[in-house]
Amino acid sequence: MIDNTLPADLRGVRDPADQLSIFCYDSAVASVKAKITLPQNLFSFLLEGEKTVHYAGTQVKINPQQFLLLSAGNCLMSEKIAAEGGRYRSILIFFDNVLLADFFNRHPQVLATTPGRIPETPFLLFEKDPFLFNFIASLGFMLASGQPISTHMGRIKLEELLLYLSEHYPGEIQKLQSVCQQVEADMLIRQAVTANMDNNITVEEFAFLCNTSLSTFKRRFAKIYGTSPYKWLLEKRMQKAAQMLTRGEYKASEIYYELGYENLSSFIQSFKQVHGITPRQYQSGKLNV
């Protein structure tokens, strides 16, 4: 499977369906502000060169003495070759939030001594120490054979890294948990709206089902779907209404309640808002074609 959201040298290397993947990235070509959509969280261990990552409200730059944990999402990424005749090299660990949640479930003690809530951030920056240099070298030795690191071994190495960071960077672990909790909350929103899209449930009731305030629900919804919950639900419900009317099995007076409306007039008004004509006009035009 080809992943067009990643730099060219990574396409075809990583299967997006994998929960975890580890590989080397080696390039003689620099890149400037490439548009990147990270499908999973990413540990980026820089070996040679410089990396700059831009997010909507912040940016971070690292050298080979540092490494990053980047959360899934959109960013602009620049990769610079630092020395003439040099290369850009890094080792990457992609992993999804299922593995992160499993880590926290099996090691609740790593959160026992963390401070109060820390603001969310799209990245975590770490300084390499002797242990981490050796950890990265161990990944390099395993990858040197040209064979992929097995899923089982990859999970062991990820857990080793997370446990080490939890002991030496306890304040950062809460940020990791925050990322995990945010994704779980987003999944709950997706499940709620998908399961109840056709039910007579208001946006306020969706917020209640997702255990959030109305403002938080609307903000998270807009981040996931790129629009307001009111507009998204309206368009989805009217799409289904159009499909039902096209089949000719139902009239508007027979489907409005099923689509979450308490009366026919409000349904007709919403249908006209999306399609520009009444349900009867729409159905008549489709059936007479």
C-alpha atoms as a PDB file:
ATOM      1  CA  MET A   1       0.000   0.000   0.000  1.00  0.00           C
ATOM      2  CA  ILE A   2       1.351   3.442  -0.938  1.00  0.00           C
ATOM      3  CA  ASP A   3       1.008   6.258   1.570  1.00  0.00           C
ATOM      4  CA  ASN A   4       0.945   9.566  -0.321  1.00  0.00           C
ATOM      5  CA  THR A   5       0.799  11.547   2.919  1.00  0.00           C
ATOM      6  CA  LEU A   6       4.495  10.902   3.626  1.00  0.00           C
ATOM      7  CA  PRO A   7       7.744  12.055   2.012  1.00  0.00           C
ATOM      8  CA  ALA A   8       8.570  10.307  -1.262  1.00  0.00           C
ATOM      9  CA  ASP A   9      11.310   8.125   0.247  1.00  0.00           C
ATOM     10  CA  LEU A  10       8.830   6.660   2.740  1.00  0.00           C
ATOM     11  CA  ARG A  11       6.089   5.735   0.281  1.00  0.00           C
ATOM     12  CA  GLY A  12       5.689   2.032  -0.196  1.00  0.00           C
ATOM     13  CA  VAL A  13       7.794   1.321   2.915  1.00  0.00           C
ATOM     14  CA  ARG A  14       5.103   1.694   5.512  1.00  0.00           C
ATOM     15  CA  ASP A  15       1.740  -0.096   5.444  1.00  0.00           C
ATOM     16  CA  PRO A  16      -0.884   2.310   6.917  1.00  0.00           C
ATOM     17  CA  ALA A  17      -2.776  -0.684   8.350  1.00  0.00           C
ATOM     18  CA  ASP A  18       0.101  -1.583  10.687  1.00  0.00           C
ATOM     19  CA  GLN A  19      -0.276  -0.537  14.323  1.00  0.00           C
ATOM     20  CA  LEU A  20       3.514  -0.222  14.573  1.00  0.00           C
ATOM     21  CA  SER A  21       6.318   0.139  12.048  1.00  0.00           C
ATOM     22  CA  ILE A  22      10.028   0.931  12.422  1.00  0.00           C
ATOM     23  CA  PHE A  23      12.388   1.811   9.600  1.00  0.00           C
ATOM     24  CA  CYS A  24      15.277   3.988   8.462  1.00  0.00           C
ATOM     25  CA  TYR A  25      14.809   7.114   6.386  1.00  0.00           C
ATOM     26  CA  ASP A  26      17.889   8.032   4.346  1.00  0.00           C
ATOM     27  CA  SER A  27      17.847  10.777   1.718  1.00  0.00           C
ATOM     28  CA  ALA A  28      20.361  12.883  -0.205  1.00  0.00           C
ATOM     29  CA  VAL A  29      17.625  15.394  -1.080  1.00  0.00           C
ATOM     30  CA  ALA A  30      16.516  18.168   1.250  1.00  0.00           C
ATOM     31  CA  SER A  31      12.869  19.208   1.509  1.00  0.00           C
ATOM     32  CA  VAL A  32      11.310  22.534   2.477  1.00  0.00           C
ATOM     33  CA  LYS A  33       7.918  22.749   4.155  1.00  0.00           C
ATOM     34  CA  ALA A  34       6.532  19.572   2.642  1.00  0.00           C
ATOM     35  CA  LYS A  35       2.856  19.079   3.481  1.00  0.00           C
ATOM     36  CA  ILE A  36       2.679  15.983   5.668  1.00  0.00           C
ATOM     37  CA  THR A  37      -0.310  14.175   7.138  1.00  0.00           C
ATOM     38  CA  LEU A  38       0.933  11.813   9.815  1.00  0.00           C
ATOM     39  CA  PRO A  39      -1.566   8.933  10.077  1.00  0.00           C
ATOM     40  CA  GLN A  40      -0.091   7.816  13.412  1.00  0.00           C
ATOM     41  CA  ASN A  41       2.117   9.112  16.205  1.00  0.00           C
ATOM     42  CA  LEU A  42       5.782   9.237  15.256  1.00  0.00           C
ATOM     43  CA  PHE A  43       9.053   9.025  17.159  1.00  0.00           C
ATOM     44  CA  SER A  44      11.633  10.670  14.890  1.00  0.00           C
ATOM     45  CA  PHE A  45      15.249   9.941  15.872  1.00  0.00           C
ATOM     46  CA  LEU A  46      17.443  12.266  13.839  1.00  0.00           C
ATOM     47  CA  LEU A  47      20.863  10.774  12.977  1.00  0.00           C
ATOM     48  CA  GLU A  48      22.210  13.293  10.470  1.00  0.00           C
ATOM     49  CA  GLY A  49      20.890  16.650   9.253  1.00  0.00           C
ATOM     50  CA  GLU A  50      18.303  19.037  10.693  1.00  0.00           C
ATOM     51  CA  LYS A  51      14.535  18.813  10.949  1.00  0.00           C
ATOM     52  CA  THR A  52      11.968  21.595  11.397  1.00  0.00           C
ATOM     53  CA  VAL A  53       8.273  20.868  11.927  1.00  0.00           C
ATOM     54  CA  HIS A  54       5.602  23.574  11.641  1.00  0.00           C
ATOM     55  CA  TYR A  55       2.146  23.284  13.194  1.00  0.00           C
ATOM     56  CA  ALA A  56      -0.731  25.753  13.087  1.00  0.00           C
ATOM     57  CA  GLY A  57       0.369  27.596  16.218  1.00  0.00           C
ATOM     58  CA  THR A  58       3.961  26.564  16.840  1.00  0.00           C
ATOM     59  CA  GLN A  59       7.096  25.004  15.386  1.00  0.00           C
ATOM     60  CA  VAL A  60      10.058  22.957  16.590  1.00  0.00           C
ATOM     61  CA  LYS A  61      13.587  22.428  15.243  1.00  0.00           C
ATOM     62  CA  ILE A  62      15.942  19.592  16.201  1.00  0.00           C
ATOM     63  CA  ASN A  63      19.503  18.430  15.586  1.00  0.00           C
ATOM     64  CA  PRO A  64      21.031  14.922  15.943  1.00  0.00           C
ATOM     65  CA  GLN A  65      21.373  15.393  19.709  1.00  0.00           C
ATOM     66  CA  GLN A  66      17.587  15.496  20.035  1.00  0.00           C
ATOM     67  CA  PHE A  67      14.512  13.565  18.959  1.00  0.00           C
ATOM     68  CA  LEU A  68      10.797  14.227  18.611  1.00  0.00           C
ATOM     69  CA  LEU A  69       7.502  12.583  19.314  1.00  0.00           C
ATOM     70  CA  LEU A  70       4.985  13.969  16.818  1.00  0.00           C
ATOM     71  CA  SER A  71       1.265  13.368  17.256  1.00  0.00           C
ATOM     72  CA  ALA A  72      -0.878  12.244  14.332  1.00  0.00           C
ATOM     73  CA  GLY A  73      -2.163  15.078  12.173  1.00  0.00           C
ATOM     74  CA  ASN A  74      -1.136  17.732   9.646  1.00  0.00           C
ATOM     75  CA  CYS A  75       2.162  19.595   9.680  1.00  0.00           C
ATOM     76  CA  LEU A  76       4.763  21.186   7.413  1.00  0.00           C
ATOM     77  CA  MET A  77       8.108  19.406   7.557  1.00  0.00           C
ATOM     78  CA  SER A  78      11.512  20.648   6.410  1.00  0.00           C
ATOM     79  CA  GLU A  79      14.513  18.327   6.279  1.00  0.00           C
ATOM     80  CA  LYS A  80      17.937  19.918   5.815  1.00  0.00           C
ATOM     81  CA  ILE A  81      21.296  18.340   4.978  1.00  0.00           C
ATOM     82  CA  ALA A  82      23.660  20.012   7.405  1.00  0.00           C
ATOM     83  CA  ALA A  83      27.088  19.278   5.844  1.00  0.00           C
ATOM     84  CA  GLU A  84      28.273  19.424   2.241  1.00  0.00           C
ATOM     85  CA  GLY A  85      28.216  15.926   0.808  1.00  0.00           C
ATOM     86  CA  GLY A  86      26.170  14.711   3.768  1.00  0.00           C
ATOM     87  CA  ARG A  87      22.748  13.128   3.933  1.00  0.00           C
ATOM     88  CA  TYR A  88      19.552  13.352   5.906  1.00  0.00           C
ATOM     89  CA  ARG A  89      19.129  10.224   8.036  1.00  0.00           C
ATOM     90  CA  SER A  90      16.690   9.230  10.735  1.00  0.00           C
ATOM     91  CA  ILE A  91      15.052   6.217  12.348  1.00  0.00           C
ATOM     92  CA  LEU A  92      11.272   6.397  12.601  1.00  0.00           C
ATOM     93  CA  ILE A  93       8.785   4.585  14.825  1.00  0.00           C
ATOM     94  CA  PHE A  94       5.148   4.936  13.790  1.00  0.00           C
ATOM     95  CA  PHE A  95       2.586   3.694  16.315  1.00  0.00           C
ATOM     96  CA  ASP A  96      -1.126   4.171  16.813  1.00  0.00           C
ATOM     97  CA  ASN A  97      -3.073   5.210  19.892  1.00  0.00           C
ATOM     98  CA  VAL A  98      -4.362   1.681  20.498  1.00  0.00           C
ATOM     99  CA  LEU A  99      -0.812   0.700  21.498  1.00  0.00           C
ATOM    100  CA  LEU A 100      -0.435   3.857  23.573  1.00  0.00           C
ATOM    101  CA  ALA A 101      -3.703   3.222  25.426  1.00  0.00           C
ATOM    102  CA  ASP A 102      -2.644  -0.376  26.046  1.00  0.00           C
ATOM    103  CA  PHE A 103       0.645   0.856  27.535  1.00  0.00           C
ATOM    104  CA  PHE A 104      -1.151   3.124  30.012  1.00  0.00           C
ATOM    105  CA  ASN A 105      -3.634   0.383  30.928  1.00  0.00           C
ATOM    106  CA  ARG A 106      -0.825  -2.075  31.726  1.00  0.00           C
ATOM    107  CA  HIS A 107       1.409   0.457  33.494  1.00  0.00           C
ATOM    108  CA  PRO A 108      -0.850   2.740  35.540  1.00  0.00           C
ATOM    109  CA  GLN A 109       2.070   3.424  37.886  1.00  0.00           C
ATOM    110  CA  VAL A 110       3.777   5.637  35.305  1.00  0.00           C
ATOM    111  CA  LEU A 111       1.092   8.277  35.875  1.00  0.00           C
ATOM    112  CA  ALA A 112       1.104   8.094  39.667  1.00  0.00           C
ATOM    113  CA  THR A 113       3.626  10.877  40.216  1.00  0.00           C
ATOM    114  CA  THR A 114       2.807  13.185  37.320  1.00  0.00           C
ATOM    115  CA  PRO A 115       1.935  16.822  38.063  1.00  0.00           C
ATOM    116  CA  GLY A 116      -1.376  18.504  37.338  1.00  0.00           C
ATOM    117  CA  ARG A 117      -2.813  18.825  33.853  1.00  0.00           C
ATOM    118  CA  ILE A 118      -0.345  20.099  31.257  1.00  0.00           C
ATOM    119  CA  PRO A 119      -1.534  21.951  28.147  1.00  0.00           C
ATOM    120  CA  GLU A 120      -1.765  19.764  25.059  1.00  0.00           C
ATOM    121  CA  THR A 121       0.984  20.074  22.469  1.00  0.00           C
ATOM    122  CA  PRO A 122       1.357  18.457  19.025  1.00  0.00           C
ATOM    123  CA  PHE A 123       4.948  17.390  19.770  1.00  0.00           C
ATOM    124  CA  LEU A 124       7.334  16.440  22.569  1.00  0.00           C
ATOM    125  CA  LEU A 125      11.040  17.296  22.370  1.00  0.00           C
ATOM    126  CA  PHE A 126      13.663  15.115  24.076  1.00  0.00           C
ATOM    127  CA  GLU A 127      17.427  15.335  24.515  1.00  0.00           C
ATOM    128  CA  LYS A 128      19.377  12.163  23.810  1.00  0.00           C
ATOM    129  CA  ASP A 129      21.382  10.686  26.680  1.00  0.00           C
ATOM    130  CA  PRO A 130      23.757   7.681  26.682  1.00  0.00           C
ATOM    131  CA  PHE A 131      20.919   5.200  27.139  1.00  0.00           C
ATOM    132  CA  LEU A 132      18.908   6.732  24.296  1.00  0.00           C
ATOM    133  CA  PHE A 133      21.929   6.804  21.972  1.00  0.00           C
ATOM    134  CA  ASN A 134      22.363   3.077  22.641  1.00  0.00           C
ATOM    135  CA  PHE A 135      18.634   2.429  22.231  1.00  0.00           C
ATOM    136  CA  ILE A 136      18.663   4.108  18.824  1.00  0.00           C
ATOM    137  CA  ALA A 137      21.822   2.204  17.870  1.00  0.00           C
ATOM    138  CA  SER A 138      20.065  -1.073  18.748  1.00  0.00           C
ATOM    139  CA  LEU A 139      17.284  -0.199  16.283  1.00  0.00           C
ATOM    140  CA  GLY A 140      19.920   0.569  13.661  1.00  0.00           C
ATOM    141  CA  PHE A 141      21.594  -2.829  14.158  1.00  0.00           C
ATOM    142  CA  MET A 142      18.251  -4.616  13.783  1.00  0.00           C
ATOM    143  CA  LEU A 143      17.415  -2.673  10.618  1.00  0.00           C
ATOM    144  CA  ALA A 144      20.892  -3.126   9.089  1.00  0.00           C
ATOM    145  CA  SER A 145      20.008  -6.601   7.853  1.00  0.00           C
ATOM    146  CA  GLY A 146      17.462  -5.115   5.478  1.00  0.00           C
ATOM    147  CA  GLN A 147      14.680  -7.168   7.052  1.00  0.00           C
ATOM    148  CA  PRO A 148      11.773  -5.427   8.802  1.00  0.00           C
ATOM    149  CA  ILE A 149      11.637  -5.580  12.583  1.00  0.00           C
ATOM    150  CA  SER A 150       8.947  -8.052  13.608  1.00  0.00           C
ATOM    151  CA  THR A 151       5.746  -6.784  15.182  1.00  0.00           C
ATOM    152  CA  HIS A 152       6.525  -8.563  18.458  1.00  0.00           C
ATOM    153  CA  MET A 153      10.050  -7.150  18.688  1.00  0.00           C
ATOM    154  CA  GLY A 154       8.811  -3.716  17.640  1.00  0.00           C
ATOM    155  CA  ARG A 155       6.309  -3.652  20.483  1.00  0.00           C
ATOM    156  CA  ILE A 156       9.000  -4.658  22.954  1.00  0.00           C
ATOM    157  CA  LYS A 157      11.260  -1.833  21.761  1.00  0.00           C
ATOM    158  CA  LEU A 158       8.417   0.708  21.903  1.00  0.00           C
ATOM    159  CA  GLU A 159       7.550  -0.364  25.434  1.00  0.00           C
ATOM    160  CA  GLU A 160      11.209  -0.146  26.470  1.00  0.00           C
ATOM    161  CA  LEU A 161      11.322   3.407  25.175  1.00  0.00           C
ATOM    162  CA  LEU A 162       8.041   4.479  26.795  1.00  0.00           C
ATOM    163  CA  LEU A 163       9.034   3.004  30.158  1.00  0.00           C
ATOM    164  CA  TYR A 164      12.401   4.743  30.061  1.00  0.00           C
ATOM    165  CA  LEU A 165      10.802   8.085  29.190  1.00  0.00           C
ATOM    166  CA  SER A 166       8.207   7.647  31.942  1.00  0.00           C
ATOM    167  CA  GLU A 167      11.012   7.347  34.512  1.00  0.00           C
ATOM    168  CA  HIS A 168      13.205  10.160  33.201  1.00  0.00           C
ATOM    169  CA  TYR A 169      10.574  12.532  31.793  1.00  0.00           C
ATOM    170  CA  PRO A 170       7.561  11.957  34.098  1.00  0.00           C
ATOM    171  CA  GLY A 171       6.032  15.334  33.288  1.00  0.00           C
ATOM    172  CA  GLU A 172       5.907  14.486  29.586  1.00  0.00           C
ATOM    173  CA  ILE A 173       3.999  11.253  30.138  1.00  0.00           C
ATOM    174  CA  GLN A 174       0.842  13.146  31.007  1.00  0.00           C
ATOM    175  CA  LYS A 175       1.098  14.883  27.650  1.00  0.00           C
ATOM    176  CA  LEU A 176       1.298  11.465  26.014  1.00  0.00           C
ATOM    177  CA  GLN A 177      -1.780  10.362  27.919  1.00  0.00           C
ATOM    178  CA  SER A 178      -3.487  13.599  26.879  1.00  0.00           C
ATOM    179  CA  VAL A 179      -2.882  12.752  23.211  1.00  0.00           C
ATOM    180  CA  CYS A 180      -4.319   9.284  23.771  1.00  0.00           C
ATOM    181  CA  GLN A 181      -7.375  10.585  25.618  1.00  0.00           C
ATOM    182  CA  GLN A 182      -8.002  13.175  22.906  1.00  0.00           C
ATOM    183  CA  VAL A 183      -8.052  10.511  20.195  1.00  0.00           C
ATOM    184  CA  GLU A 184     -10.332   8.292  22.286  1.00  0.00           C
ATOM    185  CA  ALA A 185     -12.696  11.264  22.733  1.00  0.00           C
ATOM    186  CA  ASP A 186     -12.666  11.875  18.969  1.00  0.00           C
ATOM    187  CA  MET A 187     -13.456   8.198  18.355  1.00  0.00           C
ATOM    188  CA  LEU A 188     -16.426   8.452  20.731  1.00  0.00           C
ATOM    189  CA  ILE A 189     -17.746  11.456  18.793  1.00  0.00           C
ATOM    190  CA  ARG A 190     -17.426   9.575  15.499  1.00  0.00           C
ATOM    191  CA  GLN A 191     -19.228   6.552  16.943  1.00  0.00           C
ATOM    192  CA  ALA A 192     -21.998   8.663  18.453  1.00  0.00           C
ATOM    193  CA  VAL A 193     -22.849  10.635  15.324  1.00  0.00           C
ATOM    194  CA  THR A 194     -22.553   7.611  13.024  1.00  0.00           C
ATOM    195  CA  ALA A 195     -24.847   5.465  15.172  1.00  0.00           C
ATOM    196  CA  ASN A 196     -27.421   8.219  15.789  1.00  0.00           C
ATOM    197  CA  MET A 197     -27.287  10.291  12.623  1.00  0.00           C
ATOM    198  CA  ASP A 198     -30.876   9.362  11.694  1.00  0.00           C
ATOM    199  CA  ASN A 199     -32.268   9.573  15.211  1.00  0.00           C
ATOM    200  CA  ASN A 200     -34.049  12.574  16.652  1.00  0.00           C
ATOM    201  CA  ILE A 201     -31.036  13.645  18.722  1.00  0.00           C
ATOM    202  CA  THR A 202     -29.943  17.254  19.100  1.00  0.00           C
ATOM    203  CA  VAL A 203     -26.374  18.530  19.109  1.00  0.00           C
ATOM    204  CA  GLU A 204     -26.777  19.230  22.830  1.00  0.00           C
ATOM    205  CA  GLU A 205     -27.778  15.602  23.383  1.00  0.00           C
ATOM    206  CA  PHE A 206     -24.796  14.405  21.336  1.00  0.00           C
ATOM    207  CA  ALA A 207     -22.533  16.410  23.632  1.00  0.00           C
ATOM    208  CA  PHE A 208     -24.139  14.717  26.639  1.00  0.00           C
ATOM    209  CA  LEU A 209     -23.676  11.245  25.106  1.00  0.00           C
ATOM    210  CA  CYS A 210     -19.989  12.044  24.519  1.00  0.00           C
ATOM    211  CA  ASN A 211     -19.521  13.258  28.108  1.00  0.00           C
ATOM    212  CA  THR A 212     -18.437  16.744  27.045  1.00  0.00           C
ATOM    213  CA  SER A 213     -19.731  20.284  27.305  1.00  0.00           C
ATOM    214  CA  LEU A 214     -21.546  21.668  24.266  1.00  0.00           C
ATOM    215  CA  SER A 215     -18.674  24.026  23.408  1.00  0.00           C
ATOM    216  CA  THR A 216     -16.084  21.236  23.685  1.00  0.00           C
ATOM    217  CA  PHE A 217     -18.204  18.915  21.541  1.00  0.00           C
ATOM    218  CA  LYS A 218     -18.613  21.538  18.813  1.00  0.00           C
ATOM    219  CA  ARG A 219     -14.892  22.344  18.851  1.00  0.00           C
ATOM    220  CA  ARG A 220     -13.839  18.683  18.620  1.00  0.00           C
ATOM    221  CA  PHE A 221     -16.489  17.955  15.993  1.00  0.00           C
ATOM    222  CA  ALA A 222     -15.257  20.824  13.802  1.00  0.00           C
ATOM    223  CA  LYS A 223     -11.677  19.565  14.140  1.00  0.00           C
ATOM    224  CA  ILE A 224     -12.709  16.044  13.022  1.00  0.00           C
ATOM    225  CA  TYR A 225     -15.169  16.887  10.230  1.00  0.00           C
ATOM    226  CA  GLY A 226     -14.110  20.395   9.193  1.00  0.00           C
ATOM    227  CA  THR A 227     -17.566  21.866   9.721  1.00  0.00           C
ATOM    228  CA  SER A 228     -20.126  22.476  12.462  1.00  0.00           C
ATOM    229  CA  PRO A 229     -22.197  19.565  13.814  1.00  0.00           C
ATOM    230  CA  TYR A 230     -25.391  21.368  12.797  1.00  0.00           C
ATOM    231  CA  LYS A 231     -24.338  21.700   9.151  1.00  0.00           C
ATOM    232  CA  TRP A 232     -22.853  18.182   8.981  1.00  0.00           C
ATOM    233  CA  LEU A 233     -25.957  16.507  10.414  1.00  0.00           C
ATOM    234  CA  LEU A 234     -28.219  18.563   8.160  1.00  0.00           C
ATOM    235  CA  GLU A 235     -26.342  17.560   5.016  1.00  0.00           C
ATOM    236  CA  LYS A 236     -26.106  13.881   5.966  1.00  0.00           C
ATOM    237  CA  ARG A 237     -29.786  13.650   6.858  1.00  0.00           C
ATOM    238  CA  MET A 238     -30.824  15.406   3.650  1.00  0.00           C
ATOM    239  CA  GLN A 239     -28.593  13.080   1.626  1.00  0.00           C
ATOM    240  CA  LYS A 240     -30.448  10.120   3.084  1.00  0.00           C
ATOM    241  CA  ALA A 241     -33.791  11.853   2.512  1.00  0.00           C
ATOM    242  CA  ALA A 242     -32.906  12.346  -1.157  1.00  0.00           C
ATOM    243  CA  GLN A 243     -31.970   8.671  -1.499  1.00  0.00           C
ATOM    244  CA  MET A 244     -35.257   7.532   0.054  1.00  0.00           C
ATOM    245  CA  LEU A 245     -37.304   9.868  -2.142  1.00  0.00           C
ATOM    246  CA  THR A 246     -35.427   8.764  -5.265  1.00  0.00           C
ATOM    247  CA  ARG A 247     -36.414   5.151  -4.660  1.00  0.00           C
ATOM    248  CA  GLY A 248     -40.060   6.244  -4.763  1.00  0.00           C
ATOM    249  CA  GLU A 249     -41.097   4.040  -1.856  1.00  0.00           C
ATOM    250  CA  TYR A 250     -41.818   6.883   0.566  1.00  0.00           C
ATOM    251  CA  LYS A 251     -43.237  10.387   0.599  1.00  0.00           C
ATOM    252  CA  ALA A 252     -41.853  13.244   2.667  1.00  0.00           C
ATOM    253  CA  SER A 253     -44.732  12.840   5.118  1.00  0.00           C
ATOM    254  CA  GLU A 254     -43.594   9.263   5.783  1.00  0.00           C
ATOM    255  CA  ILE A 255     -39.884   9.809   6.409  1.00  0.00           C
ATOM    256  CA  TYR A 256     -39.450  13.122   8.251  1.00  0.00           C
ATOM    257  CA  TYR A 257     -39.662  11.606  11.741  1.00  0.00           C
ATOM    258  CA  GLU A 258     -37.250   8.807  10.848  1.00  0.00           C
ATOM    259  CA  LEU A 259     -34.720  11.478   9.877  1.00  0.00           C
ATOM    260  CA  GLY A 260     -34.923  13.213  13.229  1.00  0.00           C
ATOM    261  CA  TYR A 261     -37.629  15.839  12.602  1.00  0.00           C
ATOM    262  CA  GLU A 262     -40.657  16.302  14.815  1.00  0.00           C
ATOM    263  CA  ASN A 263     -42.832  17.881  12.130  1.00  0.00           C
ATOM    264  CA  LEU A 264     -43.104  17.889   8.348  1.00  0.00           C
ATOM    265  CA  SER A 265     -42.747  21.640   7.853  1.00  0.00           C
ATOM    266  CA  SER A 266     -39.310  21.822   9.501  1.00  0.00           C
ATOM    267  CA  PHE A 267     -38.180  18.846   7.411  1.00  0.00           C
ATOM    268  CA  ILE A 268     -39.327  20.518   4.181  1.00  0.00           C
ATOM    269  CA  GLN A 269     -37.537  23.726   5.171  1.00  0.00           C
ATOM    270  CA  SER A 270     -34.290  21.837   5.829  1.00  0.00           C
ATOM    271  CA  PHE A 271     -34.592  19.919   2.557  1.00  0.00           C
ATOM    272  CA  LYS A 272     -35.020  23.154   0.585  1.00  0.00           C
ATOM    273  CA  GLN A 273     -32.011  24.634   2.386  1.00  0.00           C
ATOM    274  CA  VAL A 274     -29.764  21.833   1.103  1.00  0.00           C
ATOM    275  CA  HIS A 275     -31.325  20.886  -2.248  1.00  0.00           C
ATOM    276  CA  GLY A 276     -32.994  24.150  -3.264  1.00  0.00           C
ATOM    277  CA  ILE A 277     -36.412  22.576  -3.912  1.00  0.00           C
ATOM    278  CA  THR A 278     -39.110  20.847  -1.866  1.00  0.00           C
ATOM    279  CA  PRO A 279     -39.056  17.074  -1.277  1.00  0.00           C
ATOM    280  CA  ARG A 280     -42.103  16.694  -3.567  1.00  0.00           C
ATOM    281  CA  GLN A 281     -40.424  18.609  -6.392  1.00  0.00           C
ATOM    282  CA  TYR A 282     -37.230  16.617  -5.921  1.00  0.00           C
ATOM    283  CA  GLN A 283     -39.051  13.280  -5.949  1.00  0.00           C
ATOM    284  CA  SER A 284     -41.174  14.221  -8.945  1.00  0.00           C
ATOM    285  CA  GLY A 285     -38.125  15.277 -10.934  1.00  0.00           C
ATOM    286  CA  LYS A 286     -36.215  12.081 -10.133  1.00  0.00           C
ATOM    287  CA  LEU A 287     -39.110   9.720 -10.835  1.00  0.00           C
ATOM    288  CA  ASN A 288     -40.023  11.390 -14.119  1.00  0.00           C
ATOM    289  CA  VAL A 289     -36.523  11.175 -15.554  1.00  0.00           C
END
